[in-house]
Amino acid sequence: MKTTQNQNLNAHPVAINVLNLVKRFGDLIAVDDVSFKIAQGEIVGILGPNGAGKTTIIRLLTGVFQLENNAKIGIFGKDITKNPSKYKKHFGIVPEISNAFSDYSVWQNLKFSGRIYGISKGKVEKRSKILLTQFNLIEKMYSKTKTLSKGLKQRLNFCLALLHEPPILILDEPTSGLDPISVKLMRTQILKLKREGKTILITTHDMQEAQNMCDRILIINRGKIIADESPNTLREQFKSTSTILFKIGGDLSAEQENALLNMFNIIKEKNDYYVFSSYDTLKDISKLHTFSKERNIKISDLKVRETSLEEVFIHLIKEDLFVIKEDEEK
């Protein structure tokens, strides 16, 4: 299943236009004929399981990897295919792992970045103080990067990416592994940048982050785009599916738990809730009640939750793998 949703492209200029991206590593096709457009001022999230091709797409887009075959990349109407490095100033890139020099201070890293982009010393100093204040790093201005926590290093990455005031931001897992305070700050700043007209491409494994922040979601599996929609549209398409959650009163025997987990493909979450997807909520709750009564299992704290983006994601990935398996068997 592949869906498309490009309403924003009709109302705003196209900031990024990607056509027929392909990347091979030996016999492995990491990116398989991927095409998409992103409108100016749009936040687009790339979601996919590990190894799906998300980071490879970013590296192709930013010139780290060479383009193959007839792939093309356009930035604000300009074809950058033949010389993507020339247009790197259009991008502000925040990698998952800090690329700042560890033995440099925060300020030294910013000065060095400013020289690369040909920014005057006075402007670097002015921009740096603004950014360091926004990201609550001003007190760490003269601290060596290697002394910073992961959260503070990621804030520095944002400052480095924004120093030259690029119109496009590419964020690779920007909040992965960060403390809650840093995560909240990052998300606040990302939404602020959107309001300022920045175009933002973000890869993330955080489904709640994608659901709350992104205008559109590209779901990637095995190097291909299998869905391209707004988060709400994706959820609406699967509204017939709900999630049933419940807890168990008392302890279960191994036989009871095995029988329970095998029912409806139930899984157990960290917070001790048992969870499964349902296409017929009343029927499945009734079946669960009968099952628990027959096996002397006490159900407690039963509730029904609307479909989340995470559940849609899992459904689409499973559906795509099923289609691939069917094709292989033919």
Protein backbone atom coordinates (compact mmCIF):
# COMPACT_ATOMS: atom_id res chain seq x y z
CA MET A 1 0.00 0.00 0.00
CA LYS A 2 1.35 3.42 -0.92
CA THR A 3 -0.65 6.57 -0.27
CA THR A 4 0.12 10.16 -1.23
CA GLN A 5 -0.72 13.45 0.39
CA ASN A 6 0.78 16.59 -1.11
CA GLN A 7 -1.77 19.33 -0.41
CA ASN A 8 0.93 21.61 1.02
CA LEU A 9 2.77 21.44 -2.29
CA ASN A 10 -0.14 23.16 -4.01
CA ALA A 11 -0.06 26.12 -1.63
CA HIS A 12 3.69 26.67 -1.16
CA PRO A 13 6.83 26.62 -3.35
CA VAL A 14 8.67 23.30 -3.54
CA ALA A 15 11.80 23.44 -1.38
CA ILE A 16 13.10 19.90 -2.05
CA ASN A 17 12.39 17.80 -5.12
CA VAL A 18 13.89 14.31 -5.13
CA LEU A 19 13.57 12.01 -8.14
CA ASN A 20 14.56 8.36 -8.49
CA LEU A 21 17.10 8.08 -5.68
CA VAL A 22 18.95 4.76 -5.78
CA LYS A 23 21.83 3.52 -3.64
CA ARG A 24 23.44 0.10 -3.78
CA PHE A 25 25.97 -1.46 -1.45
CA GLY A 26 27.12 -4.52 -3.39
CA ASP A 27 24.04 -6.66 -3.92
CA LEU A 28 22.03 -4.72 -1.34
CA ILE A 29 19.69 -2.01 -2.65
CA ALA A 30 19.53 0.36 0.32
CA VAL A 31 17.43 3.02 -1.47
CA ASP A 32 15.19 1.79 -4.28
CA ASP A 33 13.90 4.45 -6.69
CA VAL A 34 12.70 6.92 -4.06
CA SER A 35 10.97 10.16 -5.14
CA PHE A 36 9.31 12.86 -3.02
CA LYS A 37 8.72 16.59 -2.73
CA ILE A 38 8.74 18.84 0.33
CA ALA A 39 7.07 22.25 0.37
CA GLN A 40 8.72 25.33 1.82
CA GLY A 41 7.89 25.63 5.52
CA GLU A 42 6.82 22.00 5.84
CA ILE A 43 8.02 19.50 8.44
CA VAL A 44 8.28 16.06 6.88
CA GLY A 45 9.21 13.01 8.94
CA ILE A 46 10.90 9.91 7.56
CA LEU A 47 9.94 6.82 9.54
CA GLY A 48 11.12 3.27 9.02
CA PRO A 49 12.61 0.26 10.79
CA ASN A 50 16.37 0.00 11.26
CA GLY A 51 18.07 -0.50 7.92
CA ALA A 52 15.12 0.84 5.92
CA GLY A 53 17.26 3.46 4.15
CA LYS A 54 16.41 6.64 6.09
CA THR A 55 19.96 7.82 6.79
CA THR A 56 21.12 6.76 3.32
CA ILE A 57 18.47 9.04 1.79
CA ILE A 58 19.79 11.94 3.85
CA ARG A 59 23.38 11.21 2.80
CA LEU A 60 22.34 11.14 -0.85
CA LEU A 61 20.39 14.35 -0.45
CA THR A 62 23.29 16.19 1.16
CA GLY A 63 26.03 14.92 -1.15
CA VAL A 64 27.76 12.53 1.27
CA PHE A 65 26.97 9.67 -1.13
CA GLN A 66 27.18 10.05 -4.89
CA LEU A 67 23.93 9.83 -6.86
CA GLU A 68 23.38 6.80 -9.05
CA ASN A 69 21.56 6.21 -12.34
CA ASN A 70 19.16 9.00 -13.33
CA ALA A 71 18.57 10.39 -9.83
CA LYS A 72 17.93 14.11 -9.55
CA ILE A 73 17.72 16.57 -6.67
CA GLY A 74 16.25 20.04 -6.87
CA ILE A 75 16.46 22.77 -4.20
CA PHE A 76 14.07 25.71 -4.60
CA GLY A 77 13.80 25.02 -8.32
CA LYS A 78 17.55 24.67 -8.92
CA ASP A 79 18.91 21.33 -10.14
CA ILE A 80 21.81 20.48 -7.80
CA THR A 81 22.33 16.94 -9.13
CA LYS A 82 25.72 17.56 -10.73
CA ASN A 83 27.22 19.57 -7.87
CA PRO A 84 25.35 18.95 -4.58
CA SER A 85 28.31 20.11 -2.46
CA LYS A 86 28.01 23.59 -3.98
CA TYR A 87 24.59 23.93 -2.38
CA LYS A 88 25.49 22.63 1.09
CA LYS A 89 25.00 26.15 2.46
CA HIS A 90 21.27 25.64 1.87
CA PHE A 91 21.29 22.86 4.45
CA GLY A 92 21.64 22.87 8.20
CA ILE A 93 22.36 19.31 9.25
CA VAL A 94 21.92 17.94 12.78
CA PRO A 95 23.35 14.39 12.94
CA GLU A 96 22.35 11.86 15.57
CA ILE A 97 25.95 11.73 16.85
CA SER A 98 27.74 15.03 17.47
CA ASN A 99 30.19 16.08 14.77
CA ALA A 100 31.67 18.96 16.79
CA PHE A 101 35.38 18.88 17.61
CA SER A 102 35.63 17.41 21.10
CA ASP A 103 38.78 19.33 22.09
CA TYR A 104 37.35 22.66 20.94
CA SER A 105 35.19 24.77 23.20
CA VAL A 106 31.61 25.52 22.19
CA TRP A 107 32.70 28.97 21.03
CA GLN A 108 35.69 27.60 19.06
CA ASN A 109 33.42 25.16 17.23
CA LEU A 110 31.10 27.99 16.25
CA LYS A 111 33.99 30.19 15.08
CA PHE A 112 35.38 27.31 13.00
CA SER A 113 31.98 26.66 11.43
CA GLY A 114 31.61 30.37 10.67
CA ARG A 115 34.94 30.36 8.78
CA ILE A 116 33.83 27.38 6.68
CA TYR A 117 30.71 29.27 5.59
CA GLY A 118 32.59 32.54 5.06
CA ILE A 119 30.69 34.41 7.75
CA SER A 120 32.33 37.53 9.14
CA LYS A 121 33.75 37.40 12.67
CA GLY A 122 31.29 40.03 13.90
CA LYS A 123 28.28 38.17 12.51
CA VAL A 124 29.51 34.85 13.90
CA GLU A 125 29.76 36.38 17.36
CA LYS A 126 26.30 37.94 17.11
CA ARG A 127 24.61 34.81 15.71
CA SER A 128 26.40 32.56 18.21
CA LYS A 129 25.19 34.50 21.23
CA ILE A 130 21.61 34.47 19.91
CA LEU A 131 21.69 30.72 19.27
CA LEU A 132 23.48 29.82 22.49
CA THR A 133 20.86 31.81 24.42
CA GLN A 134 17.99 30.09 22.56
CA PHE A 135 19.42 26.66 23.32
CA ASN A 136 20.39 27.48 26.93
CA LEU A 137 24.10 27.00 26.22
CA ILE A 138 25.44 30.49 26.89
CA GLU A 139 26.96 29.44 30.23
CA LYS A 140 28.85 26.64 28.47
CA MET A 141 30.29 28.93 25.80
CA TYR A 142 33.91 28.34 26.85
CA SER A 143 33.53 24.70 27.93
CA LYS A 144 35.22 22.02 25.87
CA THR A 145 32.75 19.97 23.86
CA LYS A 146 34.01 16.68 25.33
CA THR A 147 32.86 17.81 28.79
CA LEU A 148 29.25 18.28 27.66
CA SER A 149 26.46 15.78 28.20
CA LYS A 150 24.80 14.21 25.14
CA GLY A 151 21.89 16.62 25.48
CA LEU A 152 24.17 19.66 25.54
CA LYS A 153 26.19 18.33 22.60
CA GLN A 154 22.99 18.00 20.60
CA ARG A 155 22.07 21.58 21.45
CA LEU A 156 25.48 22.61 20.12
CA ASN A 157 24.77 20.61 16.95
CA PHE A 158 21.62 22.69 16.44
CA CYS A 159 23.59 25.93 16.93
CA LEU A 160 26.19 24.81 14.38
CA ALA A 161 23.47 23.82 11.90
CA LEU A 162 21.68 27.17 12.25
CA LEU A 163 24.71 29.47 12.33
CA HIS A 164 24.66 30.23 8.58
CA GLU A 165 20.83 30.65 8.57
CA PRO A 166 20.03 27.86 6.09
CA PRO A 167 16.51 27.62 4.63
CA ILE A 168 16.46 23.81 5.00
CA LEU A 169 17.13 21.75 8.12
CA ILE A 170 17.85 18.04 8.04
CA LEU A 171 17.58 16.40 11.43
CA ASP A 172 18.70 12.80 11.89
CA GLU A 173 17.17 11.41 15.11
CA PRO A 174 17.58 14.81 16.81
CA THR A 175 16.10 13.80 20.18
CA SER A 176 17.33 10.20 20.38
CA GLY A 177 18.57 9.30 23.86
CA LEU A 178 18.19 12.81 25.27
CA ASP A 179 16.88 13.79 28.68
CA PRO A 180 13.27 15.09 28.87
CA ILE A 181 14.35 18.73 29.33
CA SER A 182 16.54 18.65 26.22
CA VAL A 183 13.81 16.86 24.24
CA LYS A 184 11.25 19.52 25.15
CA LEU A 185 13.68 22.31 24.24
CA MET A 186 14.52 20.70 20.88
CA ARG A 187 10.89 20.23 19.93
CA THR A 188 10.01 23.79 20.93
CA GLN A 189 12.85 25.15 18.80
CA ILE A 190 11.93 22.94 15.81
CA LEU A 191 8.36 24.24 15.82
CA LYS A 192 9.68 27.80 16.19
CA LEU A 193 11.88 27.28 13.14
CA LYS A 194 8.89 26.04 11.17
CA ARG A 195 6.99 29.21 12.07
CA GLU A 196 9.97 31.17 10.74
CA GLY A 197 9.53 29.44 7.37
CA LYS A 198 12.26 26.80 7.59
CA THR A 199 11.77 23.57 5.67
CA ILE A 200 12.52 20.60 7.91
CA LEU A 201 13.21 16.96 7.11
CA ILE A 202 13.46 14.78 10.19
CA THR A 203 14.14 11.09 10.76
CA THR A 204 12.87 9.68 14.02
CA HIS A 205 11.87 6.48 15.76
CA ASP A 206 9.69 8.46 18.16
CA MET A 207 6.16 8.00 16.82
CA GLN A 208 4.66 10.52 19.24
CA GLU A 209 7.19 13.10 18.09
CA ALA A 210 6.31 12.44 14.45
CA GLN A 211 2.57 12.53 15.15
CA ASN A 212 2.72 15.83 17.02
CA MET A 213 5.27 17.72 14.93
CA CYS A 214 5.18 16.58 11.31
CA ASP A 215 2.92 17.88 8.56
CA ARG A 216 3.61 14.77 6.53
CA ILE A 217 5.07 11.33 7.12
CA LEU A 218 7.09 9.25 4.66
CA ILE A 219 7.18 5.62 5.78
CA ILE A 220 10.16 3.76 4.33
CA ASN A 221 10.62 0.00 4.23
CA ARG A 222 13.35 -1.94 2.41
CA GLY A 223 14.44 1.22 0.64
CA LYS A 224 11.00 2.13 -0.74
CA ILE A 225 8.35 4.68 0.29
CA ILE A 226 5.23 2.72 1.26
CA ALA A 227 3.18 5.66 2.56
CA ASP A 228 3.19 9.45 2.17
CA GLU A 229 0.45 11.16 4.20
CA SER A 230 -0.26 13.52 7.06
CA PRO A 231 -0.24 11.76 10.47
CA ASN A 232 -3.96 12.36 10.94
CA THR A 233 -4.80 11.01 7.48
CA LEU A 234 -2.79 7.87 8.15
CA ARG A 235 -4.60 7.34 11.43
CA GLU A 236 -7.97 8.06 9.82
CA GLN A 237 -7.36 5.35 7.23
CA PHE A 238 -7.02 2.82 10.04
CA LYS A 239 -9.69 4.14 12.38
CA SER A 240 -11.50 0.81 12.10
CA THR A 241 -8.65 -0.59 14.20
CA SER A 242 -8.58 0.20 17.91
CA THR A 243 -6.26 -0.91 20.67
CA ILE A 244 -7.47 -2.82 23.71
CA LEU A 245 -5.39 -2.58 26.87
CA PHE A 246 -5.86 -4.41 30.15
CA LYS A 247 -4.03 -5.59 33.24
CA ILE A 248 -4.14 -8.88 35.10
CA GLY A 249 -5.13 -9.14 38.75
CA GLY A 250 -2.80 -11.59 40.49
CA ASP A 251 -0.09 -13.85 39.08
CA LEU A 252 -0.39 -16.02 35.99
CA SER A 253 0.97 -19.51 35.51
CA ALA A 254 3.26 -20.05 32.54
CA GLU A 255 0.46 -21.95 30.77
CA GLN A 256 -2.03 -19.13 31.38
CA GLU A 257 0.33 -16.44 30.15
CA ASN A 258 1.30 -18.38 27.02
CA ALA A 259 -2.37 -18.91 26.17
CA LEU A 260 -3.09 -15.22 26.77
CA LEU A 261 -0.19 -13.95 24.67
CA ASN A 262 -1.14 -16.20 21.78
CA MET A 263 -4.66 -14.81 21.76
CA PHE A 264 -5.09 -11.98 19.20
CA ASN A 265 -1.26 -11.65 19.02
CA ILE A 266 -1.30 -9.97 22.43
CA ILE A 267 1.90 -8.32 23.63
CA LYS A 268 2.92 -7.23 27.11
CA GLU A 269 4.16 -3.66 27.56
CA LYS A 270 6.67 -2.42 30.13
CA ASN A 271 3.95 -0.90 32.30
CA ASP A 272 2.31 -4.34 32.75
CA TYR A 273 -0.50 -3.64 30.30
CA TYR A 274 -1.42 -6.40 27.87
CA VAL A 275 -2.18 -4.89 24.45
CA PHE A 276 -3.70 -6.03 21.17
CA SER A 277 -5.28 -4.49 18.07
CA SER A 278 -8.96 -5.07 17.36
CA TYR A 279 -11.15 -4.63 14.29
CA ASP A 280 -14.31 -5.40 16.29
CA THR A 281 -13.96 -3.97 19.78
CA LEU A 282 -17.19 -5.31 21.34
CA LYS A 283 -16.72 -8.79 19.89
CA ASP A 284 -13.09 -9.01 21.03
CA ILE A 285 -13.81 -7.70 24.54
CA SER A 286 -16.56 -10.32 24.86
CA LYS A 287 -14.18 -13.02 23.62
CA LEU A 288 -11.52 -11.85 26.08
CA HIS A 289 -14.05 -11.96 28.93
CA THR A 290 -15.08 -15.53 28.05
CA PHE A 291 -11.46 -16.62 27.68
CA SER A 292 -10.46 -15.15 31.05
CA LYS A 293 -13.46 -16.69 32.80
CA GLU A 294 -12.73 -20.16 31.41
CA ARG A 295 -9.09 -19.98 32.51
CA ASN A 296 -9.72 -18.24 35.82
CA ILE A 297 -7.81 -15.10 34.81
CA LYS A 298 -8.89 -11.84 36.43
CA ILE A 299 -8.96 -8.92 33.97
CA SER A 300 -8.60 -5.41 35.41
CA ASP A 301 -8.20 -1.82 34.16
CA LEU A 302 -9.64 -2.60 30.73
CA LYS A 303 -9.64 0.33 28.29
CA VAL A 304 -9.85 1.08 24.58
CA ARG A 305 -7.42 3.47 22.88
CA GLU A 306 -7.78 5.13 19.48
CA THR A 307 -5.33 4.14 16.79
CA SER A 308 -1.89 5.70 17.18
CA LEU A 309 0.65 6.48 14.47
CA GLU A 310 2.84 3.73 15.93
CA GLU A 311 0.12 1.15 15.34
CA VAL A 312 -0.41 2.39 11.78
CA PHE A 313 3.36 2.17 11.22
CA ILE A 314 3.52 -1.42 12.48
CA HIS A 315 0.49 -2.37 10.37
CA LEU A 316 1.98 -0.90 7.18
CA ILE A 317 5.38 -2.53 7.72
CA LYS A 318 3.75 -5.93 8.36
CA GLU A 319 1.50 -5.47 5.32
CA ASP A 320 4.47 -4.57 3.14
CA LEU A 321 6.46 -7.60 4.33
CA PHE A 322 3.43 -9.82 3.63
CA VAL A 323 3.20 -8.49 0.05
CA ILE A 324 6.95 -9.06 -0.45
CA LYS A 325 6.63 -12.64 0.86
CA GLU A 326 3.70 -13.31 -1.48
CA ASP A 327 5.70 -11.97 -4.45
CA GLU A 328 8.67 -14.16 -3.55
CA GLU A 329 6.46 -17.25 -3.36
CA LYS A 330 4.95 -16.69 -6.82
